[in-house]
Each structure stands twice: as structure tokens, then as C-alpha cells.
């Protein structure tokens, strides 16, 4: 894995965890929905694909609430390979 991809992964994890930290101050029943809603609304499909790649690989850097919210985050369709 190149340094750039690791850096991109780290940034994505940090951003997701910052969202969880913000929603930590919200009432418990709003936390997971708030995280998922924010990511669904503001993250483009490419970012959500990268997010799910990390979640599916079992990346351990995510805040537990981010992982709980993953069930409610819209998973984008995979990118289809273009014929050569």
C-alpha cells in the first residue's frame, strides 16, 4: 500500500471519527442516525465506497459509533470496469 493511500485512509477514518465525536454530545437515540445522516448527505459516493472498503476489511481505527452507523449509511453501487 502506498503512502498516499494510507494517508487517504487515515483522513477518511479521522473525518468519520470527528463526526462521531460531534454526535457524542447528542442524545443517545440521535447519535447513530446523526452520523449516518451526515455521511449520507455530505459524502460523495467515492468517499462512501472507500469507507465501506475499510469497514469490510475490518479496519480497527473507527469509533464504535461509526461502525454502528455503517448499517444505516447508503452503500454506493460498485464502479463497473470499463472495457479496454
C-alpha atoms as a PDB file:
ATOM      1  CA  UNK A   1       0.000   0.000   0.000  1.00  0.00           C
ATOM      2  CA  UNK A   2       1.442   3.360  -0.968  1.00  0.00           C
ATOM      3  CA  UNK A   3       1.862   6.226   1.457  1.00  0.00           C
ATOM      4  CA  UNK A   4      -0.789   8.242  -0.390  1.00  0.00           C
ATOM      5  CA  UNK A   5      -3.479   5.577   0.001  1.00  0.00           C
ATOM      6  CA  UNK A   6      -2.626   5.145   3.688  1.00  0.00           C
ATOM      7  CA  UNK A   7      -2.863   8.890   4.113  1.00  0.00           C
ATOM      8  CA  UNK A   8      -6.247   8.949   2.347  1.00  0.00           C
ATOM      9  CA  UNK A   9      -7.476   6.114   4.554  1.00  0.00           C
ATOM     10  CA  UNK A  10      -6.268   7.900   7.679  1.00  0.00           C
ATOM     11  CA  UNK A  11      -8.040  11.107   6.645  1.00  0.00           C
ATOM     12  CA  UNK A  12     -11.288   9.275   5.930  1.00  0.00           C
ATOM     13  CA  UNK A  13     -11.170   7.496   9.294  1.00  0.00           C
ATOM     14  CA  UNK A  14     -10.322  10.737  11.083  1.00  0.00           C
ATOM     15  CA  UNK A  15     -13.248  12.527   9.391  1.00  0.00           C
ATOM     16  CA  UNK A  16     -15.692   9.743  10.286  1.00  0.00           C
ATOM     17  CA  UNK A  17     -14.454   9.729  13.876  1.00  0.00           C
ATOM     18  CA  UNK A  18     -14.787  13.524  14.109  1.00  0.00           C
ATOM     19  CA  UNK A  19     -18.430  13.193  13.067  1.00  0.00           C
ATOM     20  CA  UNK A  20     -18.919  10.560  15.792  1.00  0.00           C
ATOM     21  CA  UNK A  21     -17.250  12.830  18.343  1.00  0.00           C
ATOM     22  CA  UNK A  22     -19.637  15.644  17.431  1.00  0.00           C
ATOM     23  CA  UNK A  23     -22.679  13.410  17.795  1.00  0.00           C
ATOM     24  CA  UNK A  24     -21.352  12.068  21.108  1.00  0.00           C
ATOM     25  CA  UNK A  25     -22.810  15.200  22.689  1.00  0.00           C
ATOM     26  CA  UNK A  26     -26.275  14.496  21.258  1.00  0.00           C
ATOM     27  CA  UNK A  27     -28.973  12.433  22.968  1.00  0.00           C
ATOM     28  CA  UNK A  28     -28.200   8.719  22.668  1.00  0.00           C
ATOM     29  CA  UNK A  29     -31.134   7.947  20.377  1.00  0.00           C
ATOM     30  CA  UNK A  30     -29.899  10.536  17.841  1.00  0.00           C
ATOM     31  CA  UNK A  31     -26.213   9.576  17.682  1.00  0.00           C
ATOM     32  CA  UNK A  32     -26.112   6.724  15.171  1.00  0.00           C
ATOM     33  CA  UNK A  33     -28.800   8.241  12.943  1.00  0.00           C
ATOM     34  CA  UNK A  34     -26.982  11.576  13.065  1.00  0.00           C
ATOM     35  CA  UNK A  35     -23.679  10.053  11.964  1.00  0.00           C
ATOM     36  CA  UNK A  36     -25.300   8.069   9.155  1.00  0.00           C
ATOM     37  CA  UNK A  37     -27.377  11.041   8.058  1.00  0.00           C
ATOM     38  CA  UNK A  38     -24.365  13.326   7.917  1.00  0.00           C
ATOM     39  CA  UNK A  39     -22.293  10.859   5.886  1.00  0.00           C
ATOM     40  CA  UNK A  40     -25.209  10.104   3.548  1.00  0.00           C
ATOM     41  CA  UNK A  41     -25.822  13.793   2.966  1.00  0.00           C
ATOM     42  CA  UNK A  42     -22.281  15.142   2.662  1.00  0.00           C
ATOM     43  CA  UNK A  43     -20.017  12.316   1.496  1.00  0.00           C
ATOM     44  CA  UNK A  44     -19.930  11.623  -2.204  1.00  0.00           C
ATOM     45  CA  UNK A  45     -20.250   8.007  -3.412  1.00  0.00           C
ATOM     46  CA  UNK A  46     -16.474   7.672  -3.908  1.00  0.00           C
ATOM     47  CA  UNK A  47     -15.863   8.508  -0.243  1.00  0.00           C
ATOM     48  CA  UNK A  48     -18.577   6.127   0.920  1.00  0.00           C
ATOM     49  CA  UNK A  49     -17.069   3.357  -1.274  1.00  0.00           C
ATOM     50  CA  UNK A  50     -13.695   3.916   0.392  1.00  0.00           C
ATOM     51  CA  UNK A  51     -15.408   3.940   3.782  1.00  0.00           C
ATOM     52  CA  UNK A  52     -17.075   0.577   3.142  1.00  0.00           C
ATOM     53  CA  UNK A  53     -13.827  -0.880   1.755  1.00  0.00           C
ATOM     54  CA  UNK A  54     -12.225  -0.114   5.123  1.00  0.00           C
ATOM     55  CA  UNK A  55     -15.212  -1.269   7.182  1.00  0.00           C
ATOM     56  CA  UNK A  56     -15.473  -4.514   5.178  1.00  0.00           C
ATOM     57  CA  UNK A  57     -11.758  -5.181   5.740  1.00  0.00           C
ATOM     58  CA  UNK A  58     -12.322  -4.836   9.479  1.00  0.00           C
ATOM     59  CA  UNK A  59     -10.212  -1.718   9.914  1.00  0.00           C
ATOM     60  CA  UNK A  60      -9.868  -1.107  13.635  1.00  0.00           C
ATOM     61  CA  UNK A  61      -9.439   2.678  13.592  1.00  0.00           C
ATOM     62  CA  UNK A  62     -13.117   3.603  13.564  1.00  0.00           C
ATOM     63  CA  UNK A  63     -15.024   4.916  16.569  1.00  0.00           C
ATOM     64  CA  UNK A  64     -17.578   2.260  17.651  1.00  0.00           C
ATOM     65  CA  UNK A  65     -20.487   4.592  16.834  1.00  0.00           C
ATOM     66  CA  UNK A  66     -19.211   4.933  13.254  1.00  0.00           C
ATOM     67  CA  UNK A  67     -19.334   1.163  12.903  1.00  0.00           C
ATOM     68  CA  UNK A  68     -22.857   1.106  14.332  1.00  0.00           C
ATOM     69  CA  UNK A  69     -23.882   3.820  11.871  1.00  0.00           C
ATOM     70  CA  UNK A  70     -22.443   1.854   8.932  1.00  0.00           C
ATOM     71  CA  UNK A  71     -25.636  -0.214   8.822  1.00  0.00           C
ATOM     72  CA  UNK A  72     -27.577   2.974   8.014  1.00  0.00           C
ATOM     73  CA  UNK A  73     -25.133   4.538   5.575  1.00  0.00           C
ATOM     74  CA  UNK A  74     -26.085   4.207   1.921  1.00  0.00           C
ATOM     75  CA  UNK A  75     -23.675   1.829   0.232  1.00  0.00           C
ATOM     76  CA  UNK A  76     -22.968   3.097  -3.284  1.00  0.00           C
ATOM     77  CA  UNK A  77     -23.033   0.773  -6.242  1.00  0.00           C
ATOM     78  CA  UNK A  78     -19.622  -0.624  -7.194  1.00  0.00           C
ATOM     79  CA  UNK A  79     -17.787   1.069 -10.006  1.00  0.00           C
ATOM     80  CA  UNK A  80     -18.028  -1.054 -13.123  1.00  0.00           C
ATOM     81  CA  UNK A  81     -14.843  -1.649 -15.042  1.00  0.00           C
ATOM     82  CA  UNK A  82     -14.833  -0.072 -18.462  1.00  0.00           C
ATOM     83  CA  UNK A  83     -13.944  -2.241 -21.443  1.00  0.00           C
ATOM     84  CA  UNK A  84     -10.458  -1.615 -22.783  1.00  0.00           C
END
